[in-house]
Protein backbone atom coordinates (compact mmCIF):
# COMPACT_ATOMS: atom_id res chain seq x y z
CA MET A 1 54.03 -56.44 4.44
CA THR A 2 53.69 -52.90 7.14
CA PRO A 3 50.90 -50.51 6.42
CA MET A 4 52.84 -48.47 4.37
CA GLN A 5 53.97 -51.07 2.11
CA ARG A 6 51.61 -51.73 -0.38
CA TRP A 7 49.21 -49.47 -1.43
CA LEU A 8 45.82 -50.95 -3.32
CA THR A 9 43.67 -48.54 -4.47
CA LEU A 10 40.10 -49.60 -3.92
CA LEU A 11 38.07 -47.80 -6.68
CA ALA A 12 34.16 -47.58 -6.00
CA SER A 13 32.34 -49.82 -3.66
CA ALA A 14 31.29 -52.54 -6.46
CA LEU A 15 30.48 -52.63 -10.17
CA TRP A 16 26.66 -53.54 -10.05
CA CYS A 17 26.32 -54.48 -13.34
CA ALA A 18 28.50 -55.00 -16.56
CA ALA A 19 31.80 -53.33 -16.83
CA GLY A 20 31.94 -49.33 -17.23
CA CYS A 21 27.77 -49.16 -16.11
CA GLY A 22 28.52 -48.62 -12.65
CA THR A 23 24.62 -48.09 -11.52
CA ALA A 24 23.29 -48.73 -8.48
CA ALA A 25 22.37 -51.83 -6.27
CA PRO A 26 18.54 -53.00 -7.16
CA GLU A 27 16.11 -51.47 -4.69
CA ASP A 28 15.31 -54.55 -2.83
CA VAL A 29 18.14 -54.64 -1.06
CA ALA A 30 19.51 -53.06 1.27
CA SER A 31 24.03 -51.72 2.18
CA ALA A 32 26.36 -51.05 4.99
CA THR A 33 29.48 -49.55 4.20
CA SER A 34 31.36 -48.83 7.74
CA ASP A 35 35.14 -46.84 7.72
CA PHE A 36 37.01 -47.74 10.89
CA SER A 37 41.10 -47.92 12.48
CA VAL A 38 42.67 -50.93 13.20
CA MET A 39 46.12 -52.62 12.42
CA ASP A 40 47.22 -48.81 13.15
CA THR A 41 45.36 -48.52 9.44
CA GLN A 42 42.17 -47.05 7.25
CA GLY A 43 39.33 -50.39 7.57
CA ARG A 44 36.37 -50.45 5.30
CA ILE A 45 33.25 -52.88 5.53
CA ILE A 46 31.32 -52.94 3.05
CA VAL A 47 27.89 -55.66 2.99
CA TYR A 48 24.34 -55.87 0.87
CA ALA A 49 21.96 -58.15 2.33
CA ASP A 50 18.21 -58.82 2.44
CA THR A 51 17.24 -56.27 4.86
CA SER A 52 19.31 -53.04 6.87
CA ALA A 53 19.22 -55.22 9.77
CA LEU A 54 20.62 -57.84 8.40
CA CYS A 55 23.45 -55.26 6.86
CA SER A 56 24.34 -54.31 10.47
CA ALA A 57 24.84 -57.64 11.69
CA ALA A 58 27.25 -58.69 9.54
CA ARG A 59 28.88 -55.57 9.97
CA GLU A 60 29.37 -55.71 13.08
CA ALA A 61 30.69 -59.68 13.21
CA ALA A 62 33.05 -58.24 11.05
CA MET A 63 34.81 -55.43 12.87
CA THR A 64 34.83 -57.54 15.87
CA ARG A 65 36.87 -60.38 15.18
CA THR A 66 39.08 -57.66 12.89
CA GLU A 67 39.53 -55.92 16.15
CA ALA A 68 39.91 -59.40 17.99
CA ILE A 69 42.75 -60.71 15.84
CA ALA A 70 44.19 -57.47 15.71
CA ALA A 71 44.59 -56.97 19.58
CA LEU A 72 46.43 -60.66 19.67
CA LEU A 73 48.40 -60.21 16.84
CA ASN A 74 50.17 -56.85 17.46
CA ARG A 75 53.81 -57.54 17.86
CA TYR A 76 53.85 -53.52 19.40
CA ASP A 77 51.83 -54.12 22.03
CA PRO A 78 52.80 -55.71 25.05
CA ALA A 79 49.72 -56.91 26.36
CA SER A 80 49.27 -59.07 23.07
CA GLU A 81 49.74 -62.85 22.47
CA LEU A 82 52.07 -62.26 20.11
CA SER A 83 53.80 -60.18 22.38
CA ALA A 84 53.89 -62.82 24.96
CA VAL A 85 55.43 -65.60 22.76
CA ASN A 86 58.24 -63.06 21.64
CA ARG A 87 58.76 -62.48 25.31
CA ALA A 88 59.60 -66.09 25.73
CA ALA A 89 61.94 -66.87 22.88
CA GLY A 90 64.03 -70.04 23.81
CA GLY A 91 61.89 -70.38 26.96
CA PRO A 92 59.36 -72.76 27.35
CA PRO A 93 55.57 -73.22 25.21
CA VAL A 94 52.77 -69.77 25.68
CA PRO A 95 49.55 -70.86 26.27
CA VAL A 96 47.61 -68.99 23.07
CA SER A 97 44.12 -68.93 21.80
CA ARG A 98 43.21 -71.02 18.99
CA THR A 99 43.12 -67.53 16.53
CA THR A 100 46.80 -66.35 17.47
CA ALA A 101 47.83 -70.77 16.83
CA ARG A 102 46.48 -70.75 13.46
CA ALA A 103 47.56 -67.32 11.92
CA ILE A 104 51.34 -68.73 13.27
CA ALA A 105 50.63 -72.06 11.34
CA ASP A 106 49.46 -70.17 8.55
CA ALA A 107 52.34 -68.14 8.62
CA LYS A 108 55.09 -70.49 8.77
CA ARG A 109 53.02 -72.59 6.06
CA LEU A 110 53.47 -69.64 4.03
CA CYS A 111 56.64 -69.25 4.38
CA ARG A 112 57.90 -72.93 3.30
CA LEU A 113 55.28 -71.74 0.04
CA SER A 114 56.98 -68.83 -1.05
CA GLY A 115 60.65 -70.40 -0.44
CA GLY A 116 61.56 -68.33 2.43
CA ALA A 117 60.86 -65.07 0.82
CA PHE A 118 58.27 -64.60 2.93
CA ASN A 119 59.27 -65.18 6.76
CA PRO A 120 56.91 -64.57 9.61
CA LEU A 121 60.86 -64.18 11.78
CA VAL A 122 61.82 -60.91 10.28
CA GLY A 123 61.08 -59.23 13.17
CA SER A 124 64.48 -59.51 14.63
CA LEU A 125 66.29 -57.89 11.20
CA VAL A 126 63.23 -55.41 11.21
CA GLY A 127 64.70 -54.36 14.94
CA LEU A 128 67.85 -54.21 14.34
CA TRP A 129 67.46 -51.56 11.00
CA LYS A 130 64.76 -49.43 13.42
CA ARG A 131 67.52 -49.26 16.24
CA CYS A 132 70.26 -48.83 13.17
CA GLU A 133 68.02 -45.74 12.06
CA ALA A 134 67.92 -44.13 14.74
CA GLU A 135 71.57 -44.65 15.39
CA GLN A 136 71.72 -43.32 11.91
CA ARG A 137 74.42 -45.98 10.16
CA LEU A 138 74.14 -49.18 8.57
CA PRO A 139 74.14 -52.78 10.51
CA THR A 140 77.69 -54.33 11.13
CA GLU A 141 77.80 -57.77 9.16
CA GLU A 142 78.11 -59.42 12.63
CA GLU A 143 73.93 -57.60 13.49
CA ILE A 144 72.76 -59.10 10.10
CA GLY A 145 74.25 -62.29 11.15
CA SER A 146 73.16 -62.80 14.10
CA ALA A 147 69.57 -61.62 12.94
CA LEU A 148 70.12 -64.26 10.45
CA ARG A 149 70.82 -67.01 12.41
CA VAL A 150 67.58 -66.59 14.07
CA LEU A 151 65.20 -66.93 10.75
CA ASN A 152 64.79 -70.54 10.84
CA ILE A 153 61.43 -71.33 10.63
CA ASP A 154 61.45 -75.02 11.99
CA ASP A 155 61.97 -73.18 15.10
CA VAL A 156 58.58 -72.09 15.72
CA GLU A 157 56.69 -74.69 17.41
CA VAL A 158 53.21 -74.55 17.05
CA ALA A 159 51.30 -77.66 19.35
CA GLY A 160 47.47 -78.56 20.83
CA LEU A 161 45.78 -77.12 17.55
CA GLU A 162 43.86 -79.59 16.10
CA GLY A 163 41.09 -80.12 18.08
CA ALA A 164 42.18 -77.51 20.83
CA ALA A 165 38.57 -75.23 22.47
CA GLU A 166 40.53 -71.61 22.11
CA GLY A 167 42.94 -70.83 24.74
CA ARG A 168 44.54 -74.00 24.91
CA ALA A 169 46.75 -73.71 21.86
CA THR A 170 50.59 -73.42 22.59
CA CYS A 171 53.45 -71.51 20.33
CA ARG A 172 57.31 -72.00 21.70
CA LEU A 173 60.26 -69.56 19.75
CA ALA A 174 63.21 -72.51 20.36
CA ARG A 175 65.56 -70.06 20.30
CA THR A 176 66.84 -66.84 22.16
CA GLY A 177 65.83 -63.65 20.22
CA MET A 178 63.86 -65.40 17.83
CA GLN A 179 60.81 -62.47 16.90
CA LEU A 180 57.63 -63.08 15.15
CA ASP A 181 56.04 -60.30 12.61
CA LEU A 182 53.37 -61.35 11.17
CA GLY A 183 53.11 -57.83 9.48
CA GLY A 184 53.82 -59.11 6.10
CA MET A 185 50.27 -60.82 5.58
CA ALA A 186 48.19 -60.33 9.00
CA LYS A 187 45.92 -58.05 7.30
CA GLY A 188 44.80 -59.65 4.50
CA TRP A 189 44.74 -62.74 7.15
CA ALA A 190 42.15 -61.01 9.49
CA ALA A 191 40.49 -59.65 6.05
CA GLN A 192 40.14 -63.45 5.02
CA GLU A 193 38.38 -63.99 8.56
CA ALA A 194 36.44 -61.34 9.00
CA MET A 195 34.42 -62.44 5.37
CA ALA A 196 34.17 -65.80 6.74
CA LYS A 197 32.29 -63.82 9.59
CA ILE A 198 30.18 -62.40 6.82
CA ARG A 199 29.56 -65.34 4.95
CA ARG A 200 28.25 -66.96 8.00
CA CYS A 201 25.33 -64.58 8.20
CA ARG A 202 22.09 -65.15 5.82
CA GLY A 203 21.20 -63.00 3.36
CA VAL A 204 24.28 -61.09 2.93
CA ARG A 205 24.65 -61.12 -1.07
CA ALA A 206 27.82 -59.34 -1.29
CA ALA A 207 30.75 -57.85 0.76
CA LEU A 208 34.16 -56.16 0.25
CA VAL A 209 36.32 -56.04 3.69
CA ASN A 210 39.65 -53.43 3.05
CA LEU A 211 42.20 -53.48 6.08
CA GLY A 212 45.21 -50.71 4.07
CA GLY A 213 44.47 -51.95 0.64
CA ASP A 214 44.26 -55.67 1.30
CA GLY A 215 40.69 -56.15 -0.45
CA VAL A 216 38.82 -59.37 0.54
CA CYS A 217 35.36 -59.35 -2.14
CA TRP A 218 33.17 -61.94 -2.22
CA SER A 219 30.09 -61.76 -4.34
CA GLU A 220 26.92 -64.30 -3.94
CA GLY A 221 27.37 -66.37 -7.08
CA ASP A 222 30.79 -68.38 -5.55
CA ARG A 223 30.89 -72.08 -4.61
CA GLY A 224 31.89 -72.46 -0.98
CA ALA A 225 34.07 -75.49 -0.07
CA ASP A 226 31.61 -77.51 -0.47
CA GLY A 227 30.99 -77.13 -4.08
CA ALA A 228 26.89 -75.82 -2.96
CA GLU A 229 26.24 -72.03 -4.81
CA THR A 230 25.33 -69.97 -1.69
CA ALA A 231 22.79 -67.75 -4.09
CA ALA A 232 19.61 -67.48 -2.81
CA ALA A 233 16.35 -68.29 -3.90
CA GLY A 234 16.05 -65.10 -5.68
CA GLY A 235 18.59 -65.65 -8.42
CA SER A 236 22.48 -64.77 -8.02
CA TRP A 237 24.68 -61.50 -7.56
CA ARG A 238 27.62 -62.61 -8.96
CA ARG A 239 28.98 -59.20 -10.09
CA PRO A 240 32.54 -57.44 -9.88
CA TRP A 241 34.20 -55.34 -7.58
CA ARG A 242 36.37 -52.67 -8.40
CA PHE A 243 39.66 -52.52 -7.39
CA GLY A 244 42.93 -50.75 -9.08
CA VAL A 245 46.87 -51.04 -8.85
CA GLN A 246 48.32 -47.42 -7.57
CA ASP A 247 51.38 -45.63 -10.07
CA PRO A 248 54.17 -46.57 -8.26
CA ARG A 249 55.60 -43.68 -9.44
CA SER A 250 52.88 -40.93 -8.69
CA ALA A 251 52.66 -39.92 -4.71
CA GLY A 252 48.85 -38.95 -6.03
CA ARG A 253 47.93 -42.63 -5.54
CA ARG A 254 47.39 -41.86 -9.42
CA VAL A 255 45.44 -45.54 -10.60
CA LEU A 256 47.18 -47.11 -13.66
CA LEU A 257 45.11 -50.56 -13.83
CA PRO A 258 41.42 -51.23 -13.04
CA LEU A 259 40.63 -54.41 -12.15
CA GLU A 260 37.74 -56.49 -11.59
CA VAL A 261 37.24 -58.97 -9.55
CA ALA A 262 34.33 -61.79 -8.96
CA GLY A 263 33.22 -64.66 -7.23
CA ALA A 264 35.61 -64.91 -3.64
CA ALA A 265 39.13 -63.17 -3.73
CA ALA A 266 41.28 -61.16 -1.67
CA VAL A 267 43.58 -59.00 -4.06
CA VAL A 268 47.13 -56.97 -2.71
CA THR A 269 49.83 -54.71 -3.48
CA SER A 270 53.12 -54.99 -1.70
CA GLY A 271 55.60 -52.32 -2.90
CA ASN A 272 59.03 -50.43 -2.09
CA TYR A 273 58.12 -46.60 -3.10
CA TYR A 274 56.32 -45.22 0.10
CA ARG A 275 57.88 -46.36 3.46
CA TYR A 276 61.86 -46.77 4.15
CA TRP A 277 65.16 -46.29 6.17
CA GLU A 278 66.59 -43.28 5.66
CA ILE A 279 70.48 -43.28 6.56
CA GLY A 280 73.15 -41.08 6.16
CA GLY A 281 71.05 -39.17 3.82
CA ARG A 282 70.19 -42.58 1.44
CA ARG A 283 66.66 -44.39 1.56
CA TYR A 284 66.82 -47.80 2.51
CA SER A 285 63.25 -49.96 1.39
CA HIS A 286 61.50 -51.66 4.17
CA ILE A 287 60.80 -54.83 2.30
CA LEU A 288 63.88 -56.84 3.99
CA ASP A 289 64.74 -59.58 2.41
CA PRO A 290 65.17 -62.76 4.83
CA ARG A 291 67.45 -64.25 3.22
CA THR A 292 70.26 -61.96 3.07
CA GLY A 293 69.08 -59.45 5.94
CA GLN A 294 69.36 -56.65 4.06
CA PRO A 295 66.62 -53.96 1.90
CA VAL A 296 64.86 -55.28 -1.24
CA ASP A 297 66.90 -53.37 -4.23
CA SER A 298 65.59 -54.78 -7.35
CA ALA A 299 64.13 -52.68 -10.31
CA VAL A 300 60.48 -54.93 -8.92
CA VAL A 301 58.67 -51.35 -7.83
CA SER A 302 55.08 -53.79 -6.79
CA ALA A 303 53.78 -56.89 -6.78
CA THR A 304 49.80 -57.85 -7.15
CA VAL A 305 48.64 -60.81 -6.06
CA ILE A 306 44.82 -62.05 -6.54
CA HIS A 307 44.36 -65.20 -4.57
CA PRO A 308 41.28 -66.69 -3.10
CA ASP A 309 42.53 -66.42 -0.12
CA GLY A 310 43.87 -63.23 1.65
CA GLY A 311 46.37 -64.37 4.01
CA THR A 312 48.29 -65.99 1.03
CA ALA A 313 47.62 -63.04 -1.18
CA ASP A 314 49.25 -60.78 1.33
CA ALA A 315 52.12 -63.12 1.78
CA LEU A 316 52.70 -63.86 -1.91
CA ALA A 317 52.62 -59.45 -2.42
CA THR A 318 55.86 -59.48 0.17
CA ALA A 319 57.56 -62.40 -1.33
CA CYS A 320 57.22 -61.55 -5.15
CA MET A 321 58.90 -58.20 -4.24
CA VAL A 322 61.55 -60.30 -2.77
CA LEU A 323 62.57 -62.56 -5.08
CA GLY A 324 62.27 -59.87 -8.21
CA VAL A 325 61.18 -61.10 -11.55
CA ARG A 326 61.81 -64.07 -12.50
CA ASP A 327 61.42 -65.93 -9.40
CA ALA A 328 58.02 -64.09 -8.25
CA MET A 329 56.51 -65.24 -11.74
CA ALA A 330 58.22 -68.35 -11.15
CA LEU A 331 56.12 -68.72 -7.93
CA LEU A 332 52.92 -67.48 -8.56
CA GLU A 333 52.70 -69.50 -11.96
CA ARG A 334 53.41 -72.75 -10.10
CA LEU A 335 50.77 -71.88 -7.58
CA PRO A 336 47.54 -72.80 -8.22
CA GLY A 337 44.83 -70.15 -7.65
CA ALA A 338 47.14 -67.29 -8.25
CA GLU A 339 47.61 -64.01 -10.70
CA GLY A 340 49.72 -61.50 -10.23
CA LEU A 341 51.34 -58.39 -12.19
CA ILE A 342 54.98 -57.18 -10.92
CA LEU A 343 55.46 -53.70 -12.96
CA GLU A 344 59.40 -53.53 -13.03
CA ALA A 345 61.32 -50.09 -13.59
CA SER A 346 63.04 -49.82 -17.10
CA GLU A 347 64.70 -47.23 -18.88
CA GLY A 348 62.54 -44.46 -16.96
CA GLY A 349 59.01 -45.95 -17.65
CA LEU A 350 57.26 -49.30 -16.41
CA ARG A 351 57.97 -53.12 -17.96
CA PRO A 352 54.50 -55.33 -16.65
CA HIS A 353 54.78 -58.79 -16.15
CA PRO A 354 51.41 -60.38 -16.17
CA THR A 355 50.78 -64.32 -14.95
CA ALA A 356 48.94 -66.40 -17.87
CA GLY A 357 45.55 -65.64 -15.82
CA PHE A 358 45.44 -62.01 -15.12
CA ALA A 359 44.05 -60.90 -18.23
CA ARG A 360 40.88 -61.20 -17.10
CA TYR A 361 40.53 -59.25 -14.04
CA GLY A 362 42.16 -55.97 -16.09
CA ARG A 363 43.47 -55.50 -19.57
CA VAL A 364 47.59 -55.19 -19.21
CA LYS A 365 48.56 -54.41 -22.60
CA ASN A 366 46.41 -51.13 -21.86
CA LEU A 367 49.05 -50.07 -19.29
CA ASP A 368 50.69 -46.95 -19.88
CA SER A 369 54.28 -47.42 -18.91
CA GLY A 370 55.62 -44.04 -20.50
CA PRO A 371 56.49 -41.53 -18.32
CA VAL A 372 53.19 -39.81 -15.71
CA SER A 373 52.14 -36.27 -15.26
CA GLU A 374 50.92 -35.65 -11.44
CA GLY A 375 47.50 -36.25 -11.20
CA GLU A 376 46.95 -37.52 -14.16
CA VAL A 377 44.44 -40.07 -14.54
CA LEU A 378 43.35 -42.68 -17.19
CA PRO A 379 40.20 -42.70 -18.73
């Protein structure tokens, strides 16, 4: 997703008790909130820890990691490593940092996981449609075909990643004209990396990293990869964070459905209702189908995905917009750890399609699917 293709409205910072209570954090726990600009969007980091010094250290570690990733993966910055890889398309391998190599390798994995609905090589298509918008014309069949011919993910080569020191891996785009664009996963991926930095800081009880609407949260009591409980000796702080899914019909970001997410998870929403190409007085979705080269044109207006990994949630939300209701639901239902909500435009309202386990995050049965008055807010 590009910065404007996803709008997940983060509500309050956290629910530190039962739903609807909204009390403040305990007096013996410090907190810190930082708002900053990154990846052409707004970021927010919230940390709860045993001391103010620990909050500051965790927050700074997360911000530093996020800014480093932004500098490496920005395809519009000529100085970035991703731009260097794109410039060398069809040529020899390009030395890159381990961070860039990992991000590209993850993008390849997610492309295959989604059956190609998410494809990090859409840079050639994005460039084509951007140029055509400036010229106020539609791409020709020949132009679309040319862009599609350089979307084979097997032509992206990443080497030296296993055991490589920082700066010793390489990446190569095998064919001239190939262009990587990691916008469909970069913010979720970076938020996950920032959260990993926070969780390495001892004394942190809970945290949220929100990058342009891609939210990764964690609260103490979640089990780590080794199965060990992360709660401190003082007791578990496993309380839910609150998110909200925006009504795609409301320019005022009306909250349609509150969500509560505990433990470690990422929450990402992608939609086709904000950004678009405008050619000849007609609007075309900025989300492009890498299988056809055309803007997405379906009844799906937004896709919310909850997954333990931020980059995966980000890519899956994009893929769901491309796939349509039936195939998107099939994708989410077959992936362990993935839950989602697809909103479909239907007879002037919205028809929700939740996965089987989505109900534990929000009460979809109370979803208001009728016409909406601007500024109206759910109770």
